[in-house]
């Protein structure tokens, strides 16, 4: 494949690229990019109990990490307490178990929240976890107005690719906007929604699908917030961030990040008539591709991650998580997590890559790929708009079908040997997994978490809890913003399961429909 000037003959520098920090931000959202400030090194972490995860966070901060990223276990994500039958065998496995405010207090023990930016990967229960974060900040005598970070709060992609939803889509969208509205007043520095393409890509989407489906969800959030009638677009749009995947196709990924900024800038300025230039700016976090990690010869994953991380940096990411080499086998060990962080630090401090802003700008290859992706993404967005938007497309199963089709086609190319995966379908060796030191979550840890939750239920004021949960249900029934009632419940040590159940009684639970 060869790219020449013919491939970018229609490129207009001012209209299609612009200087860094200028509309349409193709070359970066800030004029100085990394020459002024490096990206935030935010390693996604969390496992077992809050005490175990707190030790990991403090270890990472000592190693030079510059931001926290919290992984929650599945029961926490789904609104179940650790002692619920549905939580059995899942407590502390994919992230940290959080049942009450006491857990969050332990999770951030000796971590000053006004000195660190925190990202929380949480969606269906985002309002509850954010309320807990606000409550512990107040206990540290820190005003919520000073808090910086992100709550993912992108529940629409859960119906598309991930599955950790609780309520029907319309109710979930309403809660998402509740959080956006609450934060616009009380947490002005907080990113209220991180529209996530990462999980869409992990499910098997192409680069174009990742962007298109993510932007369709982003459009739905902006529309829903505007339709509420209380928010002007420029009052909340600057606090919307994005979360993308860094996959294996090096140049395509760089082009993807560059064109993402251009497309979103045009959506916000032309479709939603935003006037504040900060509303046009697409700021994003990147995580290297978990789906590309292999159980075979896992040390090879460190090389894959390094290339993916470099693509994210060349593409202008604002923060970055680098996966650990052993994640195809288990939760990452301390040793592998440190190597993953060192990967970012070597790119940042030894490669001199950050010294040049958008170094591939003007490349026949990258600019051509950027234009090609823009065309494909806009074709998808037009089709989704014709269906009635993201909610309608979810109900029709459109996103899911498209992703399944792409994932199937990708897998066929691997199985036919048309696509090489080193140590999987080519250059195979037999290597015993037992040679690796893997992290395991002890059953005793789980028992201690369950016992702690039961103890908190016994010592708190349960009469007050009952009143507060009733107030929350009434707010949901009356279609009011539920964040204040949730915060009151959290401060009284209501559990995540109790709060989620109160909302389940009002909104019901969503059951996925067959799309085939």
Protein backbone atom coordinates (compact mmCIF):
# COMPACT_ATOMS: atom_id res chain seq x y z
CA UNK A 1 0.00 0.00 0.00
CA UNK A 2 1.39 3.36 -1.02
CA UNK A 3 -0.04 6.81 -0.30
CA UNK A 4 0.79 9.81 -2.47
CA UNK A 5 -0.24 13.49 -2.75
CA UNK A 6 -3.20 12.32 -4.87
CA UNK A 7 -4.72 10.71 -1.78
CA UNK A 8 -5.05 14.07 -0.03
CA UNK A 9 -5.42 16.41 -3.01
CA UNK A 10 -8.66 17.92 -1.64
CA UNK A 11 -7.29 18.53 1.87
CA UNK A 12 -7.92 22.08 3.10
CA UNK A 13 -5.53 22.88 5.96
CA UNK A 14 -7.67 25.54 7.61
CA UNK A 15 -10.99 23.74 7.23
CA UNK A 16 -9.90 20.13 7.80
CA UNK A 17 -6.91 20.45 10.12
CA UNK A 18 -6.24 23.84 11.67
CA UNK A 19 -3.36 24.47 14.04
CA UNK A 20 -3.38 22.64 17.39
CA UNK A 21 -5.88 24.28 19.71
CA UNK A 22 -7.94 25.63 16.81
CA UNK A 23 -11.20 24.42 15.28
CA UNK A 24 -11.72 21.67 14.13
CA UNK A 25 -8.95 20.45 16.48
CA UNK A 26 -7.78 17.64 14.18
CA UNK A 27 -4.18 18.31 15.27
CA UNK A 28 -4.98 18.52 19.00
CA UNK A 29 -7.21 20.34 21.46
CA UNK A 30 -4.46 22.46 23.03
CA UNK A 31 -1.94 24.74 21.26
CA UNK A 32 1.08 23.31 23.11
CA UNK A 33 -0.22 19.74 23.68
CA UNK A 34 2.40 17.66 25.54
CA UNK A 35 5.08 20.34 25.33
CA UNK A 36 2.97 22.20 27.90
CA UNK A 37 1.66 19.26 29.90
CA UNK A 38 1.93 15.50 29.48
CA UNK A 39 -1.11 13.27 29.33
CA UNK A 40 -2.44 11.94 32.64
CA UNK A 41 -1.08 8.46 33.39
CA UNK A 42 -4.20 6.83 34.79
CA UNK A 43 -3.88 3.10 35.42
CA UNK A 44 -7.24 1.31 35.72
CA UNK A 45 -7.12 -0.65 38.98
CA UNK A 46 -9.25 -2.23 41.65
CA UNK A 47 -9.80 -5.71 43.04
CA UNK A 48 -10.99 -7.58 46.13
CA UNK A 49 -11.77 -5.22 49.03
CA UNK A 50 -11.33 -1.45 49.38
CA UNK A 51 -8.34 -2.05 51.65
CA UNK A 52 -6.54 -4.15 49.00
CA UNK A 53 -7.32 -1.65 46.24
CA UNK A 54 -6.21 1.29 48.38
CA UNK A 55 -2.81 -0.35 48.76
CA UNK A 56 -2.59 -0.76 44.96
CA UNK A 57 -3.55 2.90 44.35
CA UNK A 58 -0.95 4.18 46.79
CA UNK A 59 1.65 1.88 45.21
CA UNK A 60 0.86 3.28 41.75
CA UNK A 61 0.99 6.87 42.99
CA UNK A 62 4.41 6.19 44.51
CA UNK A 63 5.53 4.81 41.13
CA UNK A 64 4.62 8.06 39.39
CA UNK A 65 1.02 7.56 38.30
CA UNK A 66 -0.67 10.95 37.94
CA UNK A 67 -4.37 10.02 38.17
CA UNK A 68 -6.57 7.28 39.61
CA UNK A 69 -8.92 5.05 37.65
CA UNK A 70 -11.26 2.86 39.69
CA UNK A 71 -12.41 -0.58 38.55
CA UNK A 72 -15.52 -1.86 40.33
CA UNK A 73 -16.62 -5.48 40.60
CA UNK A 74 -19.72 -6.72 38.75
CA UNK A 75 -22.08 -6.69 41.77
CA UNK A 76 -21.23 -3.02 42.36
CA UNK A 77 -21.78 -2.25 38.68
CA UNK A 78 -25.13 -4.06 38.70
CA UNK A 79 -26.45 -2.62 41.97
CA UNK A 80 -26.14 -5.71 44.17
CA UNK A 81 -24.64 -5.88 47.65
CA UNK A 82 -21.81 -8.35 48.21
CA UNK A 83 -24.07 -10.67 50.24
CA UNK A 84 -26.80 -10.82 47.56
CA UNK A 85 -27.25 -14.28 45.95
CA UNK A 86 -26.62 -12.72 42.51
CA UNK A 87 -23.21 -11.53 43.72
CA UNK A 88 -21.96 -14.98 44.64
CA UNK A 89 -18.60 -15.86 43.03
CA UNK A 90 -18.20 -12.31 41.61
CA UNK A 91 -17.29 -10.25 44.68
CA UNK A 92 -13.99 -8.44 44.12
CA UNK A 93 -13.18 -10.35 40.93
CA UNK A 94 -13.29 -7.77 38.12
CA UNK A 95 -12.75 -4.79 40.39
CA UNK A 96 -13.20 -3.56 43.94
CA UNK A 97 -16.36 -4.35 45.93
CA UNK A 98 -18.21 -1.26 47.17
CA UNK A 99 -21.33 -1.70 49.31
CA UNK A 100 -21.50 1.42 51.50
CA UNK A 101 -19.87 4.77 52.12
CA UNK A 102 -17.52 3.07 54.57
CA UNK A 103 -16.03 1.11 51.67
CA UNK A 104 -15.35 4.31 49.74
CA UNK A 105 -13.78 5.85 52.83
CA UNK A 106 -11.37 2.92 52.98
CA UNK A 107 -10.79 2.94 49.22
CA UNK A 108 -9.48 6.53 49.33
CA UNK A 109 -7.83 6.36 52.77
CA UNK A 110 -4.86 8.77 52.91
CA UNK A 111 -5.52 9.92 49.34
CA UNK A 112 -6.36 13.67 49.30
CA UNK A 113 -9.13 14.12 46.75
CA UNK A 114 -8.24 17.74 46.04
CA UNK A 115 -4.76 16.65 44.92
CA UNK A 116 -5.67 13.78 42.57
CA UNK A 117 -7.95 13.37 39.57
CA UNK A 118 -10.14 10.25 39.76
CA UNK A 119 -11.90 8.38 36.98
CA UNK A 120 -14.62 5.90 37.92
CA UNK A 121 -15.68 3.31 35.37
CA UNK A 122 -19.28 2.98 36.49
CA UNK A 123 -22.55 3.38 34.62
CA UNK A 124 -25.86 2.00 35.90
CA UNK A 125 -24.90 2.91 39.49
CA UNK A 126 -22.84 5.98 38.56
CA UNK A 127 -24.99 8.36 40.60
CA UNK A 128 -24.50 6.29 43.75
CA UNK A 129 -20.72 6.02 43.43
CA UNK A 130 -20.40 9.71 42.58
CA UNK A 131 -22.49 10.55 45.66
CA UNK A 132 -20.12 8.44 47.78
CA UNK A 133 -17.13 10.28 46.30
CA UNK A 134 -18.75 13.63 47.12
CA UNK A 135 -19.49 12.45 50.67
CA UNK A 136 -15.90 11.38 51.40
CA UNK A 137 -14.61 14.66 49.92
CA UNK A 138 -16.81 16.50 52.41
CA UNK A 139 -15.43 14.28 55.18
CA UNK A 140 -11.95 15.43 54.05
CA UNK A 141 -13.31 19.01 54.25
CA UNK A 142 -12.95 19.44 50.50
CA UNK A 143 -15.62 21.34 48.60
CA UNK A 144 -17.22 19.31 45.76
CA UNK A 145 -16.54 22.32 43.53
CA UNK A 146 -12.81 21.47 43.71
CA UNK A 147 -13.14 17.83 42.67
CA UNK A 148 -11.66 16.83 39.33
CA UNK A 149 -12.16 13.58 37.48
CA UNK A 150 -14.68 11.62 35.50
CA UNK A 151 -17.59 9.32 36.08
CA UNK A 152 -18.19 7.18 32.99
CA UNK A 153 -21.99 7.47 33.21
CA UNK A 154 -22.39 6.19 29.62
CA UNK A 155 -25.16 3.69 30.11
CA UNK A 156 -26.32 3.54 26.48
CA UNK A 157 -23.21 1.63 25.42
CA UNK A 158 -24.09 -0.99 28.06
CA UNK A 159 -27.09 -2.02 25.94
CA UNK A 160 -24.88 -2.07 22.85
CA UNK A 161 -21.76 -3.88 23.97
CA UNK A 162 -21.21 -4.53 27.66
CA UNK A 163 -24.39 -5.52 29.50
CA UNK A 164 -24.05 -3.91 32.95
CA UNK A 165 -27.37 -2.07 32.79
CA UNK A 166 -30.19 -2.23 35.33
CA UNK A 167 -33.12 -0.08 34.21
CA UNK A 168 -34.73 0.35 30.77
CA UNK A 169 -32.84 2.68 28.39
CA UNK A 170 -35.14 5.70 28.77
CA UNK A 171 -34.92 5.58 32.59
CA UNK A 172 -31.16 5.12 32.45
CA UNK A 173 -30.85 8.10 30.12
CA UNK A 174 -32.91 10.18 32.54
CA UNK A 175 -30.53 9.34 35.42
CA UNK A 176 -27.52 10.18 33.23
CA UNK A 177 -28.97 13.64 32.60
CA UNK A 178 -29.74 13.99 36.34
CA UNK A 179 -26.01 13.56 37.01
CA UNK A 180 -25.08 16.02 34.25
CA UNK A 181 -27.51 18.59 35.63
CA UNK A 182 -26.38 18.12 39.25
CA UNK A 183 -22.69 18.40 38.39
CA UNK A 184 -23.18 21.52 36.27
CA UNK A 185 -24.17 23.29 39.51
CA UNK A 186 -22.21 21.50 42.23
CA UNK A 187 -19.14 19.93 40.54
CA UNK A 188 -18.13 22.40 37.80
CA UNK A 189 -14.69 20.77 37.26
CA UNK A 190 -16.05 17.22 37.00
CA UNK A 191 -16.49 15.42 33.68
CA UNK A 192 -20.10 14.31 33.94
CA UNK A 193 -20.14 11.67 31.22
CA UNK A 194 -17.32 9.83 29.48
CA UNK A 195 -18.86 8.61 26.24
CA UNK A 196 -17.19 5.28 25.71
CA UNK A 197 -16.18 3.64 22.46
CA UNK A 198 -13.73 1.38 24.25
CA UNK A 199 -16.17 -1.38 25.08
CA UNK A 200 -17.82 -1.11 21.67
CA UNK A 201 -14.43 -1.83 20.09
CA UNK A 202 -13.72 -4.62 22.57
CA UNK A 203 -16.98 -6.30 21.52
CA UNK A 204 -15.70 -6.52 17.94
CA UNK A 205 -16.50 -3.19 16.27
CA UNK A 206 -14.31 -1.67 13.58
CA UNK A 207 -12.57 1.69 14.09
CA UNK A 208 -15.32 3.46 12.11
CA UNK A 209 -18.06 1.73 14.12
CA UNK A 210 -16.33 2.60 17.38
CA UNK A 211 -16.44 6.30 16.53
CA UNK A 212 -19.88 6.34 14.92
CA UNK A 213 -21.70 4.43 17.66
CA UNK A 214 -19.93 6.43 20.37
CA UNK A 215 -20.90 9.73 18.75
CA UNK A 216 -24.49 8.53 18.30
CA UNK A 217 -24.64 7.98 22.06
CA UNK A 218 -22.98 11.34 22.70
CA UNK A 219 -25.57 13.05 20.52
CA UNK A 220 -28.33 11.33 22.50
CA UNK A 221 -26.94 12.66 25.80
CA UNK A 222 -26.65 16.21 24.48
CA UNK A 223 -30.18 16.10 23.05
CA UNK A 224 -31.63 14.69 26.29
CA UNK A 225 -29.91 17.36 28.38
CA UNK A 226 -31.16 20.16 26.12
CA UNK A 227 -34.70 18.75 26.04
CA UNK A 228 -34.88 18.88 29.82
CA UNK A 229 -35.15 22.63 29.34
CA UNK A 230 -32.93 23.64 32.27
CA UNK A 231 -29.53 23.44 30.61
CA UNK A 232 -27.99 25.46 27.79
CA UNK A 233 -25.65 23.39 25.64
CA UNK A 234 -22.59 25.45 26.60
CA UNK A 235 -23.33 24.93 30.30
CA UNK A 236 -22.59 21.20 30.17
CA UNK A 237 -20.91 20.34 26.85
CA UNK A 238 -17.38 21.36 27.97
CA UNK A 239 -17.58 18.67 30.69
CA UNK A 240 -18.35 15.80 28.29
CA UNK A 241 -15.31 13.62 27.68
CA UNK A 242 -14.70 10.47 25.64
CA UNK A 243 -13.02 7.10 26.12
CA UNK A 244 -11.48 5.26 23.19
CA UNK A 245 -9.66 2.02 22.45
CA UNK A 246 -6.10 1.86 21.10
CA UNK A 247 -6.08 -1.22 18.86
CA UNK A 248 -3.41 -2.90 16.77
CA UNK A 249 -3.68 -1.11 13.40
CA UNK A 250 -1.11 1.57 14.24
CA UNK A 251 -1.73 4.21 11.58
CA UNK A 252 -5.50 3.68 11.49
CA UNK A 253 -5.68 4.25 15.24
CA UNK A 254 -3.75 7.53 15.01
CA UNK A 255 -6.09 8.64 12.23
CA UNK A 256 -9.09 7.58 14.34
CA UNK A 257 -8.11 9.81 17.24
CA UNK A 258 -7.44 12.76 14.95
CA UNK A 259 -10.71 12.50 13.04
CA UNK A 260 -12.68 11.97 16.26
CA UNK A 261 -11.83 15.53 17.29
CA UNK A 262 -12.84 16.90 13.90
CA UNK A 263 -16.19 15.11 13.74
CA UNK A 264 -17.22 16.02 17.30
CA UNK A 265 -16.22 19.67 16.80
CA UNK A 266 -18.47 19.87 13.76
CA UNK A 267 -21.34 18.09 15.52
CA UNK A 268 -21.25 20.51 18.44
CA UNK A 269 -20.82 23.67 16.38
CA UNK A 270 -23.08 22.87 13.43
CA UNK A 271 -25.72 20.52 14.85
CA UNK A 272 -26.08 21.89 18.38
CA UNK A 273 -24.99 25.49 17.68
CA UNK A 274 -22.61 25.55 20.65
CA UNK A 275 -20.83 28.91 20.90
CA UNK A 276 -18.17 28.16 23.50
CA UNK A 277 -15.06 26.76 21.81
CA UNK A 278 -14.60 24.42 24.80
CA UNK A 279 -17.89 22.77 23.82
CA UNK A 280 -16.35 21.86 20.46
CA UNK A 281 -13.24 20.25 21.98
CA UNK A 282 -13.16 16.48 22.21
CA UNK A 283 -11.01 15.46 25.18
CA UNK A 284 -10.48 11.74 25.58
CA UNK A 285 -8.97 8.98 27.67
CA UNK A 286 -7.44 5.97 25.93
CA UNK A 287 -6.98 2.40 27.07
CA UNK A 288 -4.91 -0.12 25.16
CA UNK A 289 -6.92 -3.00 23.70
CA UNK A 290 -7.67 -5.75 26.18
CA UNK A 291 -9.11 -7.91 23.40
CA UNK A 292 -5.68 -8.07 21.72
CA UNK A 293 -3.96 -9.57 24.76
CA UNK A 294 -3.15 -13.27 24.48
CA UNK A 295 -2.88 -15.99 27.10
CA UNK A 296 -0.21 -17.56 24.94
CA UNK A 297 3.22 -16.07 25.68
CA UNK A 298 1.77 -13.20 27.72
CA UNK A 299 5.07 -11.28 27.83
CA UNK A 300 4.40 -10.49 24.15
CA UNK A 301 1.50 -8.37 25.37
CA UNK A 302 3.94 -5.78 26.71
CA UNK A 303 5.08 -5.14 23.12
CA UNK A 304 1.51 -4.90 21.84
CA UNK A 305 0.66 -2.45 24.62
CA UNK A 306 3.71 -0.29 23.90
CA UNK A 307 2.73 0.11 20.24
CA UNK A 308 -0.90 0.84 21.11
CA UNK A 309 0.17 3.38 23.74
CA UNK A 310 2.43 5.11 21.22
CA UNK A 311 -0.48 5.34 18.77
CA UNK A 312 -2.62 6.98 21.48
CA UNK A 313 0.11 9.53 22.23
CA UNK A 314 0.71 10.31 18.55
CA UNK A 315 -3.07 10.68 18.25
CA UNK A 316 -3.18 13.27 21.07
CA UNK A 317 -4.88 11.53 24.00
CA UNK A 318 -5.45 13.46 27.26
CA UNK A 319 -5.02 10.46 29.55
CA UNK A 320 -3.89 6.89 29.10
CA UNK A 321 -4.16 3.45 30.66
CA UNK A 322 -1.73 0.78 29.54
CA UNK A 323 -2.86 -2.81 30.06
CA UNK A 324 -0.71 -5.28 31.96
CA UNK A 325 0.86 -8.22 30.18
CA UNK A 326 -0.82 -10.86 32.37
CA UNK A 327 -4.41 -9.60 32.05
CA UNK A 328 -5.40 -12.40 29.66
CA UNK A 329 -4.72 -14.77 32.57
CA UNK A 330 -5.78 -12.91 35.70
CA UNK A 331 -6.08 -9.54 37.38
CA UNK A 332 -2.74 -7.80 36.93
CA UNK A 333 0.04 -8.47 39.41
CA UNK A 334 1.95 -5.62 41.04
CA UNK A 335 5.00 -6.40 38.89
CA UNK A 336 3.08 -6.34 35.59
CA UNK A 337 1.19 -3.17 36.56
CA UNK A 338 4.48 -1.40 37.23
CA UNK A 339 5.83 -2.46 33.82
CA UNK A 340 2.63 -1.14 32.16
CA UNK A 341 3.11 2.22 33.88
CA UNK A 342 6.80 2.27 32.98
CA UNK A 343 5.77 1.82 29.32
CA UNK A 344 4.01 5.19 29.45
CA UNK A 345 6.87 6.81 31.32
CA UNK A 346 9.46 5.65 28.79
CA UNK A 347 7.37 7.07 25.93
CA UNK A 348 6.92 10.30 27.90
CA UNK A 349 10.46 10.86 29.15
CA UNK A 350 12.84 8.92 26.91
CA UNK A 351 11.42 8.92 23.36
CA UNK A 352 11.10 12.69 22.75
CA UNK A 353 7.81 11.90 21.00
CA UNK A 354 5.90 14.42 23.19
CA UNK A 355 8.21 17.21 22.02
CA UNK A 356 6.55 17.32 18.58
CA UNK A 357 2.85 18.21 18.27
CA UNK A 358 0.93 15.95 15.87
CA UNK A 359 4.12 14.72 14.16
CA UNK A 360 2.17 12.73 11.55
CA UNK A 361 0.06 15.68 10.48
CA UNK A 362 0.42 16.11 6.73
CA UNK A 363 1.41 12.48 6.21
CA UNK A 364 -0.15 11.20 2.98
CA UNK A 365 -0.98 7.96 4.79
CA UNK A 366 -2.45 9.37 8.01
CA UNK A 367 -4.37 12.23 6.40
CA UNK A 368 -5.85 9.86 3.83
CA UNK A 369 -6.89 7.39 6.53
CA UNK A 370 -8.33 10.28 8.56
CA UNK A 371 -10.51 11.40 5.62
CA UNK A 372 -11.58 7.84 4.86
CA UNK A 373 -12.67 7.24 8.45
CA UNK A 374 -14.58 10.52 8.51
CA UNK A 375 -16.59 9.45 5.48
CA UNK A 376 -17.44 6.05 6.98
CA UNK A 377 -18.37 7.50 10.38
CA UNK A 378 -20.68 10.10 8.85
CA UNK A 379 -22.41 7.43 6.76
CA UNK A 380 -23.16 5.49 9.94
CA UNK A 381 -24.32 8.62 11.77
CA UNK A 382 -26.71 9.51 8.96
CA UNK A 383 -28.20 6.00 9.03
CA UNK A 384 -28.64 6.13 12.83
CA UNK A 385 -30.29 9.55 12.61
CA UNK A 386 -32.72 8.22 10.01
CA UNK A 387 -33.69 5.45 12.48
CA UNK A 388 -34.53 8.06 15.12
CA UNK A 389 -31.22 8.20 17.01
CA UNK A 390 -29.31 5.99 19.41
CA UNK A 391 -32.25 4.89 21.57
CA UNK A 392 -34.22 3.73 18.54
CA UNK A 393 -31.16 1.99 17.12
CA UNK A 394 -30.62 0.16 20.42
CA UNK A 395 -34.24 -1.01 20.50
CA UNK A 396 -33.90 -2.31 16.94
CA UNK A 397 -30.67 -4.11 17.81
CA UNK A 398 -28.88 -2.24 15.02
CA UNK A 399 -25.65 -1.57 16.91
CA UNK A 400 -25.49 -5.10 18.25
CA UNK A 401 -26.00 -6.69 14.85
CA UNK A 402 -23.36 -4.52 13.20
CA UNK A 403 -20.81 -5.31 15.91
CA UNK A 404 -21.56 -9.04 15.82
CA UNK A 405 -21.10 -9.04 12.07
CA UNK A 406 -17.73 -7.25 12.31
CA UNK A 407 -16.51 -9.48 15.14
CA UNK A 408 -17.44 -12.60 13.14
CA UNK A 409 -15.64 -11.36 10.04
CA UNK A 410 -12.53 -10.50 12.08
CA UNK A 411 -12.46 -13.92 13.73
CA UNK A 412 -12.78 -15.66 10.38
CA UNK A 413 -9.68 -13.85 9.08
CA UNK A 414 -7.76 -15.07 12.14
CA UNK A 415 -8.92 -18.65 11.77
CA UNK A 416 -8.10 -18.68 8.05
CA UNK A 417 -4.64 -17.35 8.82
CA UNK A 418 -5.20 -14.17 6.80
CA UNK A 419 -4.51 -12.13 9.92
CA UNK A 420 -1.50 -13.11 12.02
CA UNK A 421 -1.72 -13.18 15.81
CA UNK A 422 1.76 -14.02 17.05
CA UNK A 423 1.84 -17.11 19.30
CA UNK A 424 -1.86 -17.80 18.55
CA UNK A 425 -2.07 -18.78 14.88
CA UNK A 426 1.59 -18.37 13.91
CA UNK A 427 4.97 -18.85 15.60
CA UNK A 428 3.39 -21.17 18.15
CA UNK A 429 5.29 -22.56 21.13
CA UNK A 430 4.09 -24.53 24.11
CA UNK A 431 4.69 -22.64 27.32
CA UNK A 432 3.29 -23.57 30.76
CA UNK A 433 1.10 -20.87 32.31
CA UNK A 434 2.16 -21.94 35.79
CA UNK A 435 5.54 -20.21 35.28
CA UNK A 436 3.79 -16.83 35.71
CA UNK A 437 3.07 -15.33 39.12
CA UNK A 438 -0.64 -14.51 38.97
CA UNK A 439 -2.79 -12.45 41.32
CA UNK A 440 -5.59 -14.37 43.02
CA UNK A 441 -8.46 -13.04 45.14
CA UNK A 442 -8.70 -14.98 48.40
CA UNK A 443 -12.13 -16.36 49.44
CA UNK A 444 -11.37 -14.99 52.92
CA UNK A 445 -11.33 -11.48 51.47
CA UNK A 446 -14.83 -12.00 50.13
CA UNK A 447 -16.10 -13.28 53.48
CA UNK A 448 -14.68 -10.23 55.26
CA UNK A 449 -16.44 -7.92 52.81
CA UNK A 450 -19.78 -9.64 53.38
CA UNK A 451 -19.36 -9.57 57.16
CA UNK A 452 -18.48 -5.87 57.09
CA UNK A 453 -21.61 -5.03 55.07
CA UNK A 454 -23.83 -6.94 57.50
CA UNK A 455 -22.19 -5.16 60.45
CA UNK A 456 -22.87 -1.73 58.94
CA UNK A 457 -26.54 -2.59 58.43
CA UNK A 458 -26.80 -3.46 62.13
CA UNK A 459 -25.14 -0.35 63.56
CA UNK A 460 -26.67 2.40 61.36
CA UNK A 461 -30.03 4.16 61.88
CA UNK A 462 -32.33 1.85 59.92
CA UNK A 463 -35.46 3.90 60.57
CA UNK A 464 -33.79 6.86 58.90
CA UNK A 465 -32.67 4.65 56.00
CA UNK A 466 -36.28 3.62 55.40
CA UNK A 467 -37.45 7.25 55.26
CA UNK A 468 -34.63 8.29 52.93
CA UNK A 469 -35.24 5.40 50.53
CA UNK A 470 -38.94 6.36 50.42
CA UNK A 471 -37.93 9.95 49.57
CA UNK A 472 -35.71 8.65 46.77
CA UNK A 473 -38.55 6.55 45.32
CA UNK A 474 -40.89 9.52 45.43
CA UNK A 475 -38.37 11.68 43.57
CA UNK A 476 -38.09 9.00 40.88
CA UNK A 477 -41.88 8.66 40.61
CA UNK A 478 -42.27 12.45 40.36
CA UNK A 479 -39.60 12.58 37.62
CA UNK A 480 -37.36 14.78 39.76
CA UNK A 481 -33.56 14.79 39.85
CA UNK A 482 -32.54 11.84 42.02
CA UNK A 483 -28.99 12.95 42.90
CA UNK A 484 -29.81 14.84 46.13
CA UNK A 485 -31.92 11.95 47.54
CA UNK A 486 -29.18 9.47 46.57
CA UNK A 487 -26.57 11.61 48.35
CA UNK A 488 -28.72 11.66 51.50
CA UNK A 489 -29.08 7.86 51.39
CA UNK A 490 -25.33 7.40 50.89
CA UNK A 491 -24.43 9.65 53.84
CA UNK A 492 -26.72 7.57 56.07
CA UNK A 493 -24.84 4.41 54.94
CA UNK A 494 -27.58 2.92 52.81
CA UNK A 495 -26.09 0.16 50.67
CA UNK A 496 -25.69 0.28 46.92
CA UNK A 497 -28.17 -2.60 46.66
CA UNK A 498 -30.82 -0.83 48.74
CA UNK A 499 -30.56 2.36 46.70
CA UNK A 500 -30.63 0.43 43.41
CA UNK A 501 -33.63 -1.62 44.58
CA UNK A 502 -35.53 1.56 45.44
CA UNK A 503 -35.06 2.71 41.85
CA UNK A 504 -35.83 -0.77 40.48
CA UNK A 505 -39.23 -0.55 42.14
CA UNK A 506 -39.96 2.61 40.15
CA UNK A 507 -38.21 2.03 36.82
CA UNK A 508 -38.21 -1.77 36.60
CA UNK A 509 -35.40 -3.89 35.16
CA UNK A 510 -34.43 -4.15 31.51
CA UNK A 511 -34.45 -7.55 29.86
CA UNK A 512 -32.51 -7.73 26.62
CA UNK A 513 -34.54 -8.67 23.58
CA UNK A 514 -33.33 -11.21 21.07
CA UNK A 515 -31.93 -9.41 18.01
CA UNK A 516 -31.67 -12.49 15.79
